[in-house]
């Protein structure tokens, strides 16, 4: 069923047992933020989860704010979500697409290739996506440095006490 249209799906060889279990693991990691969006804070508090990089150094990682952004989106507050992390709506859409693709492969026990999945495996797309993430992260760090928040956070972090 190969074709050149975006809607075409090409069925490939069956998944090995290891690939099948691997896809379950990736699906679990991918679906967790989406599922968390609908579990109330009173049922499953997130206060104990912290970014290790930010905790020890005071420097936020490129994905810092993503969990809070997902929770804000679940409450319908998209503006606040984008304040927490500008790329969060895009990441949520990508997680939904990836979860759907993985569920289809798990259900059919076959590798499935779509135009979107083939495009996502191309090096220019991967490096371009990484570039966008790192540029956004650099901009966020610059803003934190300009406001003085970064220096204060670094001084209060455990590694900051070593200096």
Protein backbone atom coordinates (compact mmCIF):
# COMPACT_ATOMS: atom_id res chain seq x y z
CA UNK A 1 0.00 0.00 0.00
CA UNK A 2 2.86 2.36 -0.63
CA UNK A 3 2.06 5.68 -2.21
CA UNK A 4 3.20 9.26 -2.37
CA UNK A 5 0.22 10.96 -0.70
CA UNK A 6 0.37 12.06 2.94
CA UNK A 7 -2.42 9.66 3.83
CA UNK A 8 -0.61 6.56 2.62
CA UNK A 9 0.53 3.97 5.13
CA UNK A 10 3.18 1.43 4.32
CA UNK A 11 3.09 -1.83 6.31
CA UNK A 12 6.47 -3.28 7.07
CA UNK A 13 7.82 -6.37 8.74
CA UNK A 14 6.48 -7.74 12.05
CA UNK A 15 7.82 -6.39 15.32
CA UNK A 16 10.18 -8.57 17.29
CA UNK A 17 9.27 -9.28 20.90
CA UNK A 18 11.93 -6.79 22.04
CA UNK A 19 10.62 -4.06 19.68
CA UNK A 20 7.05 -4.69 20.85
CA UNK A 21 8.00 -4.27 24.53
CA UNK A 22 10.15 -1.25 23.62
CA UNK A 23 7.16 0.42 22.02
CA UNK A 24 5.13 -0.19 25.20
CA UNK A 25 7.88 1.56 27.17
CA UNK A 26 8.01 4.53 24.81
CA UNK A 27 4.20 4.70 24.81
CA UNK A 28 4.23 4.83 28.61
CA UNK A 29 6.74 7.68 28.62
CA UNK A 30 4.87 9.52 25.88
CA UNK A 31 1.41 9.10 27.38
CA UNK A 32 2.33 9.94 30.99
CA UNK A 33 2.21 13.76 30.60
CA UNK A 34 -1.09 13.51 28.72
CA UNK A 35 -2.63 11.24 31.32
CA UNK A 36 -1.29 13.44 34.12
CA UNK A 37 -3.18 16.37 32.65
CA UNK A 38 -6.45 14.74 33.69
CA UNK A 39 -5.50 13.46 37.17
CA UNK A 40 -6.33 16.06 39.85
CA UNK A 41 -3.52 17.44 42.01
CA UNK A 42 -5.35 16.15 45.10
CA UNK A 43 -5.12 12.57 43.77
CA UNK A 44 -1.50 12.69 42.56
CA UNK A 45 0.52 15.67 43.82
CA UNK A 46 3.52 16.77 41.77
CA UNK A 47 5.24 18.90 44.39
CA UNK A 48 7.99 16.34 44.94
CA UNK A 49 9.09 16.22 41.28
CA UNK A 50 11.87 18.64 40.40
CA UNK A 51 14.26 19.02 37.52
CA UNK A 52 17.59 17.61 38.79
CA UNK A 53 19.65 20.08 36.73
CA UNK A 54 17.72 23.07 38.04
CA UNK A 55 17.74 21.74 41.61
CA UNK A 56 21.52 21.22 41.81
CA UNK A 57 22.75 24.09 39.61
CA UNK A 58 19.92 26.62 39.51
CA UNK A 59 20.03 26.46 35.70
CA UNK A 60 16.80 25.29 34.04
CA UNK A 61 16.98 22.52 31.45
CA UNK A 62 15.45 22.93 27.97
CA UNK A 63 12.24 21.20 29.09
CA UNK A 64 11.81 23.01 32.43
CA UNK A 65 8.25 24.25 32.74
CA UNK A 66 6.77 21.59 30.46
CA UNK A 67 4.91 19.75 33.26
CA UNK A 68 3.38 22.98 34.56
CA UNK A 69 2.49 23.91 30.98
CA UNK A 70 0.70 20.58 30.43
CA UNK A 71 -1.25 21.09 33.66
CA UNK A 72 -2.21 24.61 32.57
CA UNK A 73 -3.39 23.28 29.18
CA UNK A 74 -5.51 20.65 30.97
CA UNK A 75 -7.21 23.49 32.85
CA UNK A 76 -7.80 25.30 29.57
CA UNK A 77 -5.27 28.04 30.30
CA UNK A 78 -3.26 27.97 27.08
CA UNK A 79 -1.75 31.43 27.59
CA UNK A 80 -0.29 30.43 30.96
CA UNK A 81 0.95 27.17 29.41
CA UNK A 82 2.87 29.13 26.80
CA UNK A 83 4.33 31.34 29.52
CA UNK A 84 5.63 28.23 31.28
CA UNK A 85 7.07 26.81 28.04
CA UNK A 86 6.40 28.30 24.61
CA UNK A 87 6.79 24.97 22.82
CA UNK A 88 4.37 23.05 25.07
CA UNK A 89 1.37 23.01 22.67
CA UNK A 90 3.60 21.68 19.88
CA UNK A 91 5.08 19.03 22.19
CA UNK A 92 1.60 17.97 23.29
CA UNK A 93 0.52 17.56 19.65
CA UNK A 94 3.67 15.54 18.89
CA UNK A 95 3.06 13.32 21.94
CA UNK A 96 -0.51 12.62 20.78
CA UNK A 97 0.66 11.74 17.26
CA UNK A 98 3.47 9.53 18.60
CA UNK A 99 1.16 7.78 21.06
CA UNK A 100 -1.35 7.06 18.29
CA UNK A 101 1.38 5.70 16.02
CA UNK A 102 2.79 3.49 18.79
CA UNK A 103 -0.66 2.15 19.71
CA UNK A 104 -1.27 1.24 16.08
CA UNK A 105 2.07 -0.58 15.83
CA UNK A 106 1.47 -2.40 19.13
CA UNK A 107 -2.04 -3.42 18.10
CA UNK A 108 -0.94 -4.67 14.67
CA UNK A 109 2.43 -6.01 15.91
CA UNK A 110 4.05 -4.55 12.80
CA UNK A 111 6.27 -1.63 12.00
CA UNK A 112 4.15 0.96 10.25
CA UNK A 113 5.70 3.66 8.13
CA UNK A 114 3.77 6.81 7.31
CA UNK A 115 5.03 9.90 5.50
CA UNK A 116 5.11 11.74 8.84
CA UNK A 117 7.08 8.99 10.60
CA UNK A 118 9.55 8.81 7.68
CA UNK A 119 10.01 12.58 7.78
CA UNK A 120 10.59 12.51 11.56
CA UNK A 121 13.52 10.10 11.09
CA UNK A 122 15.41 12.36 8.70
CA UNK A 123 18.51 14.06 10.09
CA UNK A 124 17.65 17.59 8.88
CA UNK A 125 14.29 17.39 10.68
CA UNK A 126 15.88 16.04 13.86
CA UNK A 127 18.68 18.62 13.88
CA UNK A 128 16.24 21.42 12.98
CA UNK A 129 13.96 20.45 15.87
CA UNK A 130 16.91 20.30 18.26
CA UNK A 131 18.07 23.68 16.96
CA UNK A 132 14.68 25.27 17.63
CA UNK A 133 14.63 23.83 21.15
CA UNK A 134 18.17 25.04 21.91
CA UNK A 135 17.52 28.51 20.46
CA UNK A 136 14.40 28.84 22.61
CA UNK A 137 16.32 27.58 25.64
CA UNK A 138 19.11 30.09 25.00
CA UNK A 139 16.56 32.89 24.76
CA UNK A 140 14.98 31.79 28.06
CA UNK A 141 18.41 31.69 29.76
CA UNK A 142 19.21 35.15 28.39
CA UNK A 143 15.94 36.50 29.81
CA UNK A 144 16.64 34.93 33.21
CA UNK A 145 20.17 36.34 33.21
CA UNK A 146 18.99 39.81 32.20
CA UNK A 147 16.45 39.85 35.04
CA UNK A 148 18.99 38.62 37.60
CA UNK A 149 16.90 35.51 38.38
CA UNK A 150 19.50 33.12 36.97
CA UNK A 151 22.35 34.40 39.15
CA UNK A 152 20.14 34.29 42.25
CA UNK A 153 18.97 30.74 41.50
CA UNK A 154 22.54 29.57 40.87
CA UNK A 155 23.73 31.12 44.15
CA UNK A 156 20.97 29.34 46.12
CA UNK A 157 21.48 25.94 44.45
CA UNK A 158 23.57 23.26 46.20
CA UNK A 159 26.42 23.64 43.70
CA UNK A 160 26.27 27.40 44.15
CA UNK A 161 27.15 26.96 47.82
CA UNK A 162 30.45 25.35 46.80
CA UNK A 163 31.77 28.63 45.34
